[in-house]
């Protein structure tokens, strides 16, 4: 049986550390994304942590300062002494490629983390006390956190931010009654809220039979058809067929009773045909799974966001 060793690169790890020890400014290139936990070898992790601490203290980084820092932490002997640090320096001719080496180290660490997550999920899959839906949500959450951790967050120059702001304000200026938020299509509501604001949770509440579903559907229809904005619509009570009928009636502007009873004249059929064409182009996605849980809804919304993009 072949023993499988977790992904790592000792050469990349020693190259990173050697580069940091010969160039005091090299840490600036890697401190933002490289952490001590990314190192496979514990000795290397300890050395890198000491380098980070020196960087935070604004102390020059070299063999002597790192050696002294490790000595104070009673770790110098554990990592192999000052002679080991000297070996790291001698193995790297230049610090020019420190960022490249650091990315190799982090890439291997990400793979190890994925193996760990996958192993945990396999173990939990055999646990009869955990439901399949809960397990799938846990899997998505773990992978999503890994994805977020791998995204590079960098500074945005104010020049670029101003350009984005100007484009947004220009669009508002061109559109009559421009709004900062997502327009609902209802003027009084938009004037009060300035549109639906990004990242907000908006709750529409009223007694049964007042028209919550109709209002929400009208907003979704306006956004997806007229504003070309992707919308996800979950209906826990009303079927997909009934929702589509309501959409057609509103889009075609015909009598709903005529559609229900089938008493449609030629003009109505023409309007319905045009309405179908307009709705077919809409970025509206409907899920009519009855009694959907919050957990399931979140999972489906997360998947729709990744696949289609989502504004509401």
C-alpha atoms as a PDB file:
ATOM      1  CA  UNK A   1       0.000   0.000   0.000  1.00  0.00           C
ATOM      2  CA  UNK A   2       1.393   3.393  -1.025  1.00  0.00           C
ATOM      3  CA  UNK A   3       1.459   6.058   1.688  1.00  0.00           C
ATOM      4  CA  UNK A   4      -0.020   9.309   0.421  1.00  0.00           C
ATOM      5  CA  UNK A   5       1.729  12.423   1.707  1.00  0.00           C
ATOM      6  CA  UNK A   6      -0.287  15.677   1.915  1.00  0.00           C
ATOM      7  CA  UNK A   7       0.585  18.287  -0.757  1.00  0.00           C
ATOM      8  CA  UNK A   8       3.519  20.510   0.236  1.00  0.00           C
ATOM      9  CA  UNK A   9       6.786  21.918  -1.086  1.00  0.00           C
ATOM     10  CA  UNK A  10       9.694  22.034   1.341  1.00  0.00           C
ATOM     11  CA  UNK A  11      11.775  23.733  -1.378  1.00  0.00           C
ATOM     12  CA  UNK A  12       9.240  26.559  -1.733  1.00  0.00           C
ATOM     13  CA  UNK A  13       8.982  26.976   2.041  1.00  0.00           C
ATOM     14  CA  UNK A  14      12.759  27.201   2.529  1.00  0.00           C
ATOM     15  CA  UNK A  15      13.033  29.537  -0.477  1.00  0.00           C
ATOM     16  CA  UNK A  16      10.445  31.919   1.005  1.00  0.00           C
ATOM     17  CA  UNK A  17      12.217  31.998   4.362  1.00  0.00           C
ATOM     18  CA  UNK A  18      15.660  32.394   2.783  1.00  0.00           C
ATOM     19  CA  UNK A  19      14.403  35.298   0.648  1.00  0.00           C
ATOM     20  CA  UNK A  20      12.910  36.999   3.718  1.00  0.00           C
ATOM     21  CA  UNK A  21      16.220  36.681   5.565  1.00  0.00           C
ATOM     22  CA  UNK A  22      18.366  38.191   2.795  1.00  0.00           C
ATOM     23  CA  UNK A  23      16.013  41.058   1.873  1.00  0.00           C
ATOM     24  CA  UNK A  24      14.418  43.033   4.707  1.00  0.00           C
ATOM     25  CA  UNK A  25      11.765  44.434   2.330  1.00  0.00           C
ATOM     26  CA  UNK A  26      10.690  41.074   0.876  1.00  0.00           C
ATOM     27  CA  UNK A  27       8.126  40.565   3.659  1.00  0.00           C
ATOM     28  CA  UNK A  28       6.028  43.403   2.214  1.00  0.00           C
ATOM     29  CA  UNK A  29       5.267  41.254  -0.859  1.00  0.00           C
ATOM     30  CA  UNK A  30       3.941  38.258   1.077  1.00  0.00           C
ATOM     31  CA  UNK A  31       2.699  39.430   4.498  1.00  0.00           C
ATOM     32  CA  UNK A  32      -0.757  40.217   3.104  1.00  0.00           C
ATOM     33  CA  UNK A  33      -1.643  36.669   2.060  1.00  0.00           C
ATOM     34  CA  UNK A  34       0.867  34.236   3.622  1.00  0.00           C
ATOM     35  CA  UNK A  35       0.296  32.970   7.175  1.00  0.00           C
ATOM     36  CA  UNK A  36       2.321  30.676   9.432  1.00  0.00           C
ATOM     37  CA  UNK A  37      -0.424  28.007   9.202  1.00  0.00           C
ATOM     38  CA  UNK A  38       0.267  27.727   5.461  1.00  0.00           C
ATOM     39  CA  UNK A  39       3.646  26.087   6.156  1.00  0.00           C
ATOM     40  CA  UNK A  40       3.736  22.288   6.238  1.00  0.00           C
ATOM     41  CA  UNK A  41       6.895  22.088   8.358  1.00  0.00           C
ATOM     42  CA  UNK A  42       6.352  23.322  11.938  1.00  0.00           C
ATOM     43  CA  UNK A  43       9.925  24.646  12.078  1.00  0.00           C
ATOM     44  CA  UNK A  44       9.274  26.815   9.033  1.00  0.00           C
ATOM     45  CA  UNK A  45       5.971  28.009  10.512  1.00  0.00           C
ATOM     46  CA  UNK A  46       7.758  29.113  13.708  1.00  0.00           C
ATOM     47  CA  UNK A  47      10.414  31.005  11.749  1.00  0.00           C
ATOM     48  CA  UNK A  48       7.822  32.753   9.577  1.00  0.00           C
ATOM     49  CA  UNK A  49       5.748  33.741  12.613  1.00  0.00           C
ATOM     50  CA  UNK A  50       8.864  35.330  14.145  1.00  0.00           C
ATOM     51  CA  UNK A  51       9.510  37.193  10.884  1.00  0.00           C
ATOM     52  CA  UNK A  52       5.936  38.543  10.951  1.00  0.00           C
ATOM     53  CA  UNK A  53       6.335  39.673  14.550  1.00  0.00           C
ATOM     54  CA  UNK A  54       9.548  41.535  13.688  1.00  0.00           C
ATOM     55  CA  UNK A  55       7.768  43.148  10.737  1.00  0.00           C
ATOM     56  CA  UNK A  56       4.941  44.318  13.003  1.00  0.00           C
ATOM     57  CA  UNK A  57       7.506  45.718  15.449  1.00  0.00           C
ATOM     58  CA  UNK A  58       9.230  47.590  12.585  1.00  0.00           C
ATOM     59  CA  UNK A  59      12.450  45.716  13.343  1.00  0.00           C
ATOM     60  CA  UNK A  60      14.807  44.912  10.418  1.00  0.00           C
ATOM     61  CA  UNK A  61      14.566  41.254   9.386  1.00  0.00           C
ATOM     62  CA  UNK A  62      17.807  39.266   9.090  1.00  0.00           C
ATOM     63  CA  UNK A  63      19.448  36.143  10.519  1.00  0.00           C
ATOM     64  CA  UNK A  64      20.492  37.878  13.750  1.00  0.00           C
ATOM     65  CA  UNK A  65      17.134  39.489  14.573  1.00  0.00           C
ATOM     66  CA  UNK A  66      15.142  36.359  13.704  1.00  0.00           C
ATOM     67  CA  UNK A  67      17.555  34.217  15.709  1.00  0.00           C
ATOM     68  CA  UNK A  68      17.168  36.552  18.703  1.00  0.00           C
ATOM     69  CA  UNK A  69      13.369  36.525  18.404  1.00  0.00           C
ATOM     70  CA  UNK A  70      13.307  32.696  18.319  1.00  0.00           C
ATOM     71  CA  UNK A  71      15.677  32.551  21.294  1.00  0.00           C
ATOM     72  CA  UNK A  72      13.351  34.772  23.362  1.00  0.00           C
ATOM     73  CA  UNK A  73      10.460  32.466  22.464  1.00  0.00           C
ATOM     74  CA  UNK A  74      12.601  29.430  23.437  1.00  0.00           C
ATOM     75  CA  UNK A  75      12.247  28.027  19.918  1.00  0.00           C
ATOM     76  CA  UNK A  76      15.754  28.499  18.504  1.00  0.00           C
ATOM     77  CA  UNK A  77      17.019  25.013  19.402  1.00  0.00           C
ATOM     78  CA  UNK A  78      13.760  23.451  18.249  1.00  0.00           C
ATOM     79  CA  UNK A  79      14.169  24.822  14.711  1.00  0.00           C
ATOM     80  CA  UNK A  80      17.819  23.756  14.461  1.00  0.00           C
ATOM     81  CA  UNK A  81      19.643  26.784  15.807  1.00  0.00           C
ATOM     82  CA  UNK A  82      21.181  29.784  14.046  1.00  0.00           C
ATOM     83  CA  UNK A  83      23.049  27.410  11.724  1.00  0.00           C
ATOM     84  CA  UNK A  84      19.727  26.318  10.203  1.00  0.00           C
ATOM     85  CA  UNK A  85      18.833  29.965   9.493  1.00  0.00           C
ATOM     86  CA  UNK A  86      22.216  30.396   7.806  1.00  0.00           C
ATOM     87  CA  UNK A  87      21.472  27.352   5.641  1.00  0.00           C
ATOM     88  CA  UNK A  88      18.210  28.948   4.518  1.00  0.00           C
ATOM     89  CA  UNK A  89      20.081  32.074   3.438  1.00  0.00           C
ATOM     90  CA  UNK A  90      22.751  30.139   1.542  1.00  0.00           C
ATOM     91  CA  UNK A  91      20.131  28.156  -0.399  1.00  0.00           C
ATOM     92  CA  UNK A  92      18.565  31.250  -2.008  1.00  0.00           C
ATOM     93  CA  UNK A  93      20.638  33.418  -4.356  1.00  0.00           C
ATOM     94  CA  UNK A  94      18.022  36.190  -4.672  1.00  0.00           C
ATOM     95  CA  UNK A  95      14.764  37.419  -3.093  1.00  0.00           C
ATOM     96  CA  UNK A  96      13.298  38.426  -6.465  1.00  0.00           C
ATOM     97  CA  UNK A  97      10.936  35.433  -6.632  1.00  0.00           C
ATOM     98  CA  UNK A  98       9.693  35.484  -3.036  1.00  0.00           C
ATOM     99  CA  UNK A  99       6.051  36.142  -4.016  1.00  0.00           C
ATOM    100  CA  UNK A 100       6.085  33.211  -6.466  1.00  0.00           C
ATOM    101  CA  UNK A 101       7.472  30.874  -3.792  1.00  0.00           C
ATOM    102  CA  UNK A 102       4.905  32.125  -1.270  1.00  0.00           C
ATOM    103  CA  UNK A 103       2.021  31.403  -3.649  1.00  0.00           C
ATOM    104  CA  UNK A 104       3.280  27.820  -4.077  1.00  0.00           C
ATOM    105  CA  UNK A 105       3.290  27.431  -0.288  1.00  0.00           C
ATOM    106  CA  UNK A 106      -0.234  28.817   0.050  1.00  0.00           C
ATOM    107  CA  UNK A 107      -1.528  26.745  -2.877  1.00  0.00           C
ATOM    108  CA  UNK A 108      -0.311  23.538  -1.209  1.00  0.00           C
ATOM    109  CA  UNK A 109      -1.877  24.655   2.095  1.00  0.00           C
ATOM    110  CA  UNK A 110      -5.235  25.229   0.357  1.00  0.00           C
ATOM    111  CA  UNK A 111      -5.103  21.706  -1.096  1.00  0.00           C
ATOM    112  CA  UNK A 112      -4.362  20.287   2.357  1.00  0.00           C
ATOM    113  CA  UNK A 113      -7.317  22.210   3.755  1.00  0.00           C
ATOM    114  CA  UNK A 114      -9.557  20.801   1.003  1.00  0.00           C
ATOM    115  CA  UNK A 115      -8.396  17.272   1.851  1.00  0.00           C
ATOM    116  CA  UNK A 116      -9.188  17.945   5.520  1.00  0.00           C
ATOM    117  CA  UNK A 117     -12.664  19.279   4.694  1.00  0.00           C
ATOM    118  CA  UNK A 118     -13.384  16.352   2.357  1.00  0.00           C
ATOM    119  CA  UNK A 119     -12.247  13.822   4.982  1.00  0.00           C
ATOM    120  CA  UNK A 120     -14.479  15.437   7.594  1.00  0.00           C
ATOM    121  CA  UNK A 121     -17.449  15.349   5.201  1.00  0.00           C
ATOM    122  CA  UNK A 122     -16.845  11.663   4.440  1.00  0.00           C
ATOM    123  CA  UNK A 123     -16.805  10.927   8.173  1.00  0.00           C
ATOM    124  CA  UNK A 124     -19.995  12.929   8.766  1.00  0.00           C
ATOM    125  CA  UNK A 125     -21.683  11.166   5.836  1.00  0.00           C
ATOM    126  CA  UNK A 126     -21.507   7.918   7.828  1.00  0.00           C
ATOM    127  CA  UNK A 127     -23.108   9.616  10.845  1.00  0.00           C
ATOM    128  CA  UNK A 128     -26.786   8.652  10.811  1.00  0.00           C
ATOM    129  CA  UNK A 129     -27.597  11.528  13.156  1.00  0.00           C
ATOM    130  CA  UNK A 130     -26.822  14.136  10.485  1.00  0.00           C
ATOM    131  CA  UNK A 131     -29.400  14.706   7.721  1.00  0.00           C
ATOM    132  CA  UNK A 132     -28.358  14.864   4.061  1.00  0.00           C
ATOM    133  CA  UNK A 133     -29.632  18.445   3.662  1.00  0.00           C
ATOM    134  CA  UNK A 134     -27.645  19.637   6.695  1.00  0.00           C
ATOM    135  CA  UNK A 135     -24.572  17.843   5.374  1.00  0.00           C
ATOM    136  CA  UNK A 136     -24.876  19.428   1.910  1.00  0.00           C
ATOM    137  CA  UNK A 137     -25.248  22.882   3.440  1.00  0.00           C
ATOM    138  CA  UNK A 138     -22.171  22.241   5.584  1.00  0.00           C
ATOM    139  CA  UNK A 139     -20.227  21.132   2.495  1.00  0.00           C
ATOM    140  CA  UNK A 140     -21.191  24.259   0.553  1.00  0.00           C
ATOM    141  CA  UNK A 141     -20.334  26.475   3.524  1.00  0.00           C
ATOM    142  CA  UNK A 142     -16.885  24.899   3.928  1.00  0.00           C
ATOM    143  CA  UNK A 143     -16.036  25.155   0.220  1.00  0.00           C
ATOM    144  CA  UNK A 144     -17.396  28.723   0.073  1.00  0.00           C
ATOM    145  CA  UNK A 145     -15.169  29.738   3.013  1.00  0.00           C
ATOM    146  CA  UNK A 146     -12.169  28.236   1.220  1.00  0.00           C
ATOM    147  CA  UNK A 147     -13.045  30.170  -1.928  1.00  0.00           C
ATOM    148  CA  UNK A 148     -13.395  33.430  -0.002  1.00  0.00           C
ATOM    149  CA  UNK A 149     -10.064  32.864   1.763  1.00  0.00           C
ATOM    150  CA  UNK A 150      -8.302  32.437  -1.579  1.00  0.00           C
ATOM    151  CA  UNK A 151      -9.628  35.703  -3.024  1.00  0.00           C
ATOM    152  CA  UNK A 152      -7.064  38.477  -3.013  1.00  0.00           C
ATOM    153  CA  UNK A 153      -8.331  41.663  -1.393  1.00  0.00           C
ATOM    154  CA  UNK A 154      -6.368  44.665  -2.541  1.00  0.00           C
ATOM    155  CA  UNK A 155      -6.585  48.419  -2.124  1.00  0.00           C
ATOM    156  CA  UNK A 156      -8.703  50.297  -4.647  1.00  0.00           C
ATOM    157  CA  UNK A 157      -7.191  53.584  -5.843  1.00  0.00           C
ATOM    158  CA  UNK A 158      -9.592  56.477  -5.214  1.00  0.00           C
ATOM    159  CA  UNK A 159      -9.286  57.280  -8.942  1.00  0.00           C
ATOM    160  CA  UNK A 160     -10.914  53.939  -9.810  1.00  0.00           C
ATOM    161  CA  UNK A 161     -13.580  54.377  -7.122  1.00  0.00           C
ATOM    162  CA  UNK A 162     -14.403  57.833  -8.485  1.00  0.00           C
ATOM    163  CA  UNK A 163     -14.743  56.424 -11.994  1.00  0.00           C
ATOM    164  CA  UNK A 164     -17.209  53.787 -10.734  1.00  0.00           C
ATOM    165  CA  UNK A 165     -19.112  56.426  -8.790  1.00  0.00           C
ATOM    166  CA  UNK A 166     -19.319  58.714 -11.829  1.00  0.00           C
ATOM    167  CA  UNK A 167     -20.646  55.880 -13.999  1.00  0.00           C
ATOM    168  CA  UNK A 168     -23.302  55.090 -11.406  1.00  0.00           C
ATOM    169  CA  UNK A 169     -24.336  58.732 -11.025  1.00  0.00           C
ATOM    170  CA  UNK A 170     -24.357  59.154 -14.806  1.00  0.00           C
ATOM    171  CA  UNK A 171     -26.795  56.253 -15.088  1.00  0.00           C
ATOM    172  CA  UNK A 172     -28.969  57.800 -12.371  1.00  0.00           C
ATOM    173  CA  UNK A 173     -28.934  61.128 -14.218  1.00  0.00           C
ATOM    174  CA  UNK A 174     -29.941  59.533 -17.522  1.00  0.00           C
ATOM    175  CA  UNK A 175     -32.797  57.632 -15.934  1.00  0.00           C
ATOM    176  CA  UNK A 176     -35.745  59.829 -15.010  1.00  0.00           C
ATOM    177  CA  UNK A 177     -36.326  59.695 -11.265  1.00  0.00           C
ATOM    178  CA  UNK A 178     -33.006  57.908 -10.829  1.00  0.00           C
ATOM    179  CA  UNK A 179     -32.558  55.835  -7.667  1.00  0.00           C
ATOM    180  CA  UNK A 180     -29.527  54.627  -5.786  1.00  0.00           C
ATOM    181  CA  UNK A 181     -31.214  51.319  -4.984  1.00  0.00           C
ATOM    182  CA  UNK A 182     -33.006  48.701  -7.052  1.00  0.00           C
ATOM    183  CA  UNK A 183     -36.278  50.182  -8.414  1.00  0.00           C
ATOM    184  CA  UNK A 184     -39.514  48.375  -7.534  1.00  0.00           C
ATOM    185  CA  UNK A 185     -41.538  50.008 -10.315  1.00  0.00           C
ATOM    186  CA  UNK A 186     -43.911  51.582  -7.778  1.00  0.00           C
ATOM    187  CA  UNK A 187     -43.136  55.319  -7.749  1.00  0.00           C
ATOM    188  CA  UNK A 188     -44.365  56.135  -4.236  1.00  0.00           C
ATOM    189  CA  UNK A 189     -42.493  53.176  -2.766  1.00  0.00           C
ATOM    190  CA  UNK A 190     -39.326  54.059  -4.690  1.00  0.00           C
ATOM    191  CA  UNK A 191     -39.523  57.709  -3.597  1.00  0.00           C
ATOM    192  CA  UNK A 192     -39.851  56.618   0.038  1.00  0.00           C
ATOM    193  CA  UNK A 193     -37.085  53.987   0.009  1.00  0.00           C
ATOM    194  CA  UNK A 194     -34.903  55.391  -2.823  1.00  0.00           C
ATOM    195  CA  UNK A 195     -35.226  51.883  -4.221  1.00  0.00           C
ATOM    196  CA  UNK A 196     -34.349  48.605  -2.507  1.00  0.00           C
ATOM    197  CA  UNK A 197     -30.846  48.994  -1.113  1.00  0.00           C
ATOM    198  CA  UNK A 198     -28.122  46.423  -1.702  1.00  0.00           C
ATOM    199  CA  UNK A 199     -27.490  43.855   1.069  1.00  0.00           C
ATOM    200  CA  UNK A 200     -30.721  44.802   2.881  1.00  0.00           C
ATOM    201  CA  UNK A 201     -33.301  42.278   4.083  1.00  0.00           C
ATOM    202  CA  UNK A 202     -36.719  43.752   3.258  1.00  0.00           C
ATOM    203  CA  UNK A 203     -39.759  42.162   4.879  1.00  0.00           C
ATOM    204  CA  UNK A 204     -43.197  42.672   3.324  1.00  0.00           C
ATOM    205  CA  UNK A 205     -45.874  41.867   5.911  1.00  0.00           C
ATOM    206  CA  UNK A 206     -49.670  42.071   6.003  1.00  0.00           C
ATOM    207  CA  UNK A 207     -52.794  40.033   6.739  1.00  0.00           C
ATOM    208  CA  UNK A 208     -53.680  37.073   4.482  1.00  0.00           C
ATOM    209  CA  UNK A 209     -55.350  37.918   1.193  1.00  0.00           C
ATOM    210  CA  UNK A 210     -54.236  41.556   1.069  1.00  0.00           C
ATOM    211  CA  UNK A 211     -51.866  41.061  -1.890  1.00  0.00           C
ATOM    212  CA  UNK A 212     -48.360  40.341  -0.641  1.00  0.00           C
ATOM    213  CA  UNK A 213     -47.704  37.750  -3.345  1.00  0.00           C
ATOM    214  CA  UNK A 214     -49.070  39.998  -6.094  1.00  0.00           C
ATOM    215  CA  UNK A 215     -46.942  42.962  -4.996  1.00  0.00           C
ATOM    216  CA  UNK A 216     -43.770  40.857  -4.666  1.00  0.00           C
ATOM    217  CA  UNK A 217     -44.448  39.261  -8.065  1.00  0.00           C
ATOM    218  CA  UNK A 218     -45.041  42.670  -9.678  1.00  0.00           C
ATOM    219  CA  UNK A 219     -41.704  43.919  -8.303  1.00  0.00           C
ATOM    220  CA  UNK A 220     -39.899  40.782  -9.513  1.00  0.00           C
ATOM    221  CA  UNK A 221     -41.535  41.133 -12.935  1.00  0.00           C
ATOM    222  CA  UNK A 222     -40.619  44.819 -13.279  1.00  0.00           C
ATOM    223  CA  UNK A 223     -37.007  44.183 -12.331  1.00  0.00           C
ATOM    224  CA  UNK A 224     -36.474  41.141 -14.527  1.00  0.00           C
ATOM    225  CA  UNK A 225     -38.392  42.365 -17.601  1.00  0.00           C
ATOM    226  CA  UNK A 226     -37.878  46.135 -17.636  1.00  0.00           C
ATOM    227  CA  UNK A 227     -34.619  46.571 -15.697  1.00  0.00           C
ATOM    228  CA  UNK A 228     -33.004  43.290 -16.900  1.00  0.00           C
ATOM    229  CA  UNK A 229     -32.006  42.491 -13.303  1.00  0.00           C
ATOM    230  CA  UNK A 230     -31.688  38.827 -12.173  1.00  0.00           C
ATOM    231  CA  UNK A 231     -34.299  37.894  -9.553  1.00  0.00           C
ATOM    232  CA  UNK A 232     -34.848  34.679  -7.595  1.00  0.00           C
ATOM    233  CA  UNK A 233     -38.458  34.035  -6.531  1.00  0.00           C
ATOM    234  CA  UNK A 234     -39.340  31.380  -3.961  1.00  0.00           C
ATOM    235  CA  UNK A 235     -43.028  30.487  -3.669  1.00  0.00           C
ATOM    236  CA  UNK A 236     -43.870  28.191  -0.754  1.00  0.00           C
ATOM    237  CA  UNK A 237     -47.626  28.097  -1.380  1.00  0.00           C
ATOM    238  CA  UNK A 238     -48.476  29.107  -4.940  1.00  0.00           C
ATOM    239  CA  UNK A 239     -47.497  26.767  -7.789  1.00  0.00           C
ATOM    240  CA  UNK A 240     -45.186  27.723 -10.633  1.00  0.00           C
ATOM    241  CA  UNK A 241     -48.088  27.446 -13.111  1.00  0.00           C
ATOM    242  CA  UNK A 242     -50.261  29.870 -11.145  1.00  0.00           C
ATOM    243  CA  UNK A 243     -47.382  32.333 -10.798  1.00  0.00           C
ATOM    244  CA  UNK A 244     -46.711  32.204 -14.547  1.00  0.00           C
ATOM    245  CA  UNK A 245     -50.404  32.831 -15.259  1.00  0.00           C
ATOM    246  CA  UNK A 246     -50.276  35.910 -13.043  1.00  0.00           C
ATOM    247  CA  UNK A 247     -47.115  37.103 -14.792  1.00  0.00           C
ATOM    248  CA  UNK A 248     -48.753  36.679 -18.210  1.00  0.00           C
ATOM    249  CA  UNK A 249     -51.913  38.530 -17.145  1.00  0.00           C
ATOM    250  CA  UNK A 250     -49.879  41.451 -15.810  1.00  0.00           C
ATOM    251  CA  UNK A 251     -47.482  41.543 -18.778  1.00  0.00           C
ATOM    252  CA  UNK A 252     -50.239  41.255 -21.401  1.00  0.00           C
ATOM    253  CA  UNK A 253     -52.587  43.562 -19.477  1.00  0.00           C
ATOM    254  CA  UNK A 254     -55.620  41.337 -19.977  1.00  0.00           C
ATOM    255  CA  UNK A 255     -58.497  40.246 -17.724  1.00  0.00           C
ATOM    256  CA  UNK A 256     -57.340  37.462 -15.395  1.00  0.00           C
ATOM    257  CA  UNK A 257     -60.826  35.926 -15.424  1.00  0.00           C
ATOM    258  CA  UNK A 258     -60.645  35.553 -19.219  1.00  0.00           C
ATOM    259  CA  UNK A 259     -57.424  33.592 -18.917  1.00  0.00           C
ATOM    260  CA  UNK A 260     -58.865  31.317 -16.193  1.00  0.00           C
ATOM    261  CA  UNK A 261     -62.040  30.564 -18.123  1.00  0.00           C
ATOM    262  CA  UNK A 262     -60.365  30.415 -21.536  1.00  0.00           C
ATOM    263  CA  UNK A 263     -62.657  33.123 -22.980  1.00  0.00           C
ATOM    264  CA  UNK A 264     -59.929  34.870 -24.958  1.00  0.00           C
ATOM    265  CA  UNK A 265     -60.474  36.731 -28.234  1.00  0.00           C
ATOM    266  CA  UNK A 266     -57.909  37.257 -31.015  1.00  0.00           C
ATOM    267  CA  UNK A 267     -56.642  40.512 -29.509  1.00  0.00           C
ATOM    268  CA  UNK A 268     -56.056  38.777 -26.150  1.00  0.00           C
ATOM    269  CA  UNK A 269     -54.140  35.983 -27.850  1.00  0.00           C
ATOM    270  CA  UNK A 270     -51.927  38.505 -29.638  1.00  0.00           C
ATOM    271  CA  UNK A 271     -51.225  40.282 -26.344  1.00  0.00           C
ATOM    272  CA  UNK A 272     -50.452  36.951 -24.641  1.00  0.00           C
ATOM    273  CA  UNK A 273     -48.101  35.939 -27.433  1.00  0.00           C
ATOM    274  CA  UNK A 274     -46.163  39.228 -27.114  1.00  0.00           C
ATOM    275  CA  UNK A 275     -46.119  38.903 -23.327  1.00  0.00           C
ATOM    276  CA  UNK A 276     -44.661  35.382 -23.550  1.00  0.00           C
ATOM    277  CA  UNK A 277     -41.862  36.671 -25.763  1.00  0.00           C
ATOM    278  CA  UNK A 278     -41.050  39.460 -23.303  1.00  0.00           C
ATOM    279  CA  UNK A 279     -41.150  37.144 -20.265  1.00  0.00           C
ATOM    280  CA  UNK A 280     -38.984  34.554 -22.045  1.00  0.00           C
ATOM    281  CA  UNK A 281     -36.148  37.110 -22.073  1.00  0.00           C
ATOM    282  CA  UNK A 282     -36.533  37.949 -18.377  1.00  0.00           C
ATOM    283  CA  UNK A 283     -33.888  36.945 -15.801  1.00  0.00           C
ATOM    284  CA  UNK A 284     -36.554  35.600 -13.443  1.00  0.00           C
ATOM    285  CA  UNK A 285     -35.975  32.260 -11.702  1.00  0.00           C
ATOM    286  CA  UNK A 286     -38.860  30.570  -9.867  1.00  0.00           C
ATOM    287  CA  UNK A 287     -38.718  27.827  -7.244  1.00  0.00           C
ATOM    288  CA  UNK A 288     -42.100  26.521  -6.071  1.00  0.00           C
ATOM    289  CA  UNK A 289     -40.865  23.774  -3.738  1.00  0.00           C
ATOM    290  CA  UNK A 290     -43.515  23.608  -0.968  1.00  0.00           C
ATOM    291  CA  UNK A 291     -42.510  23.990   2.706  1.00  0.00           C
ATOM    292  CA  UNK A 292     -38.936  24.962   1.785  1.00  0.00           C
ATOM    293  CA  UNK A 293     -36.718  25.472   4.845  1.00  0.00           C
ATOM    294  CA  UNK A 294     -34.495  28.524   5.370  1.00  0.00           C
ATOM    295  CA  UNK A 295     -31.454  26.273   5.095  1.00  0.00           C
ATOM    296  CA  UNK A 296     -32.589  24.870   1.716  1.00  0.00           C
ATOM    297  CA  UNK A 297     -33.512  28.332   0.456  1.00  0.00           C
ATOM    298  CA  UNK A 298     -30.086  29.699   1.379  1.00  0.00           C
ATOM    299  CA  UNK A 299     -28.367  26.806  -0.392  1.00  0.00           C
ATOM    300  CA  UNK A 300     -30.424  27.283  -3.564  1.00  0.00           C
ATOM    301  CA  UNK A 301     -29.943  31.065  -3.513  1.00  0.00           C
ATOM    302  CA  UNK A 302     -26.191  30.627  -3.080  1.00  0.00           C
ATOM    303  CA  UNK A 303     -26.080  28.264  -6.087  1.00  0.00           C
ATOM    304  CA  UNK A 304     -28.211  30.633  -8.205  1.00  0.00           C
ATOM    305  CA  UNK A 305     -25.915  33.524  -7.284  1.00  0.00           C
ATOM    306  CA  UNK A 306     -22.889  31.582  -8.528  1.00  0.00           C
ATOM    307  CA  UNK A 307     -24.559  30.347 -11.730  1.00  0.00           C
ATOM    308  CA  UNK A 308     -26.654  33.345 -12.835  1.00  0.00           C
ATOM    309  CA  UNK A 309     -25.804  36.312 -10.628  1.00  0.00           C
ATOM    310  CA  UNK A 310     -28.532  37.668  -8.364  1.00  0.00           C
ATOM    311  CA  UNK A 311     -29.743  41.130  -7.333  1.00  0.00           C
ATOM    312  CA  UNK A 312     -32.905  40.282  -5.409  1.00  0.00           C
END
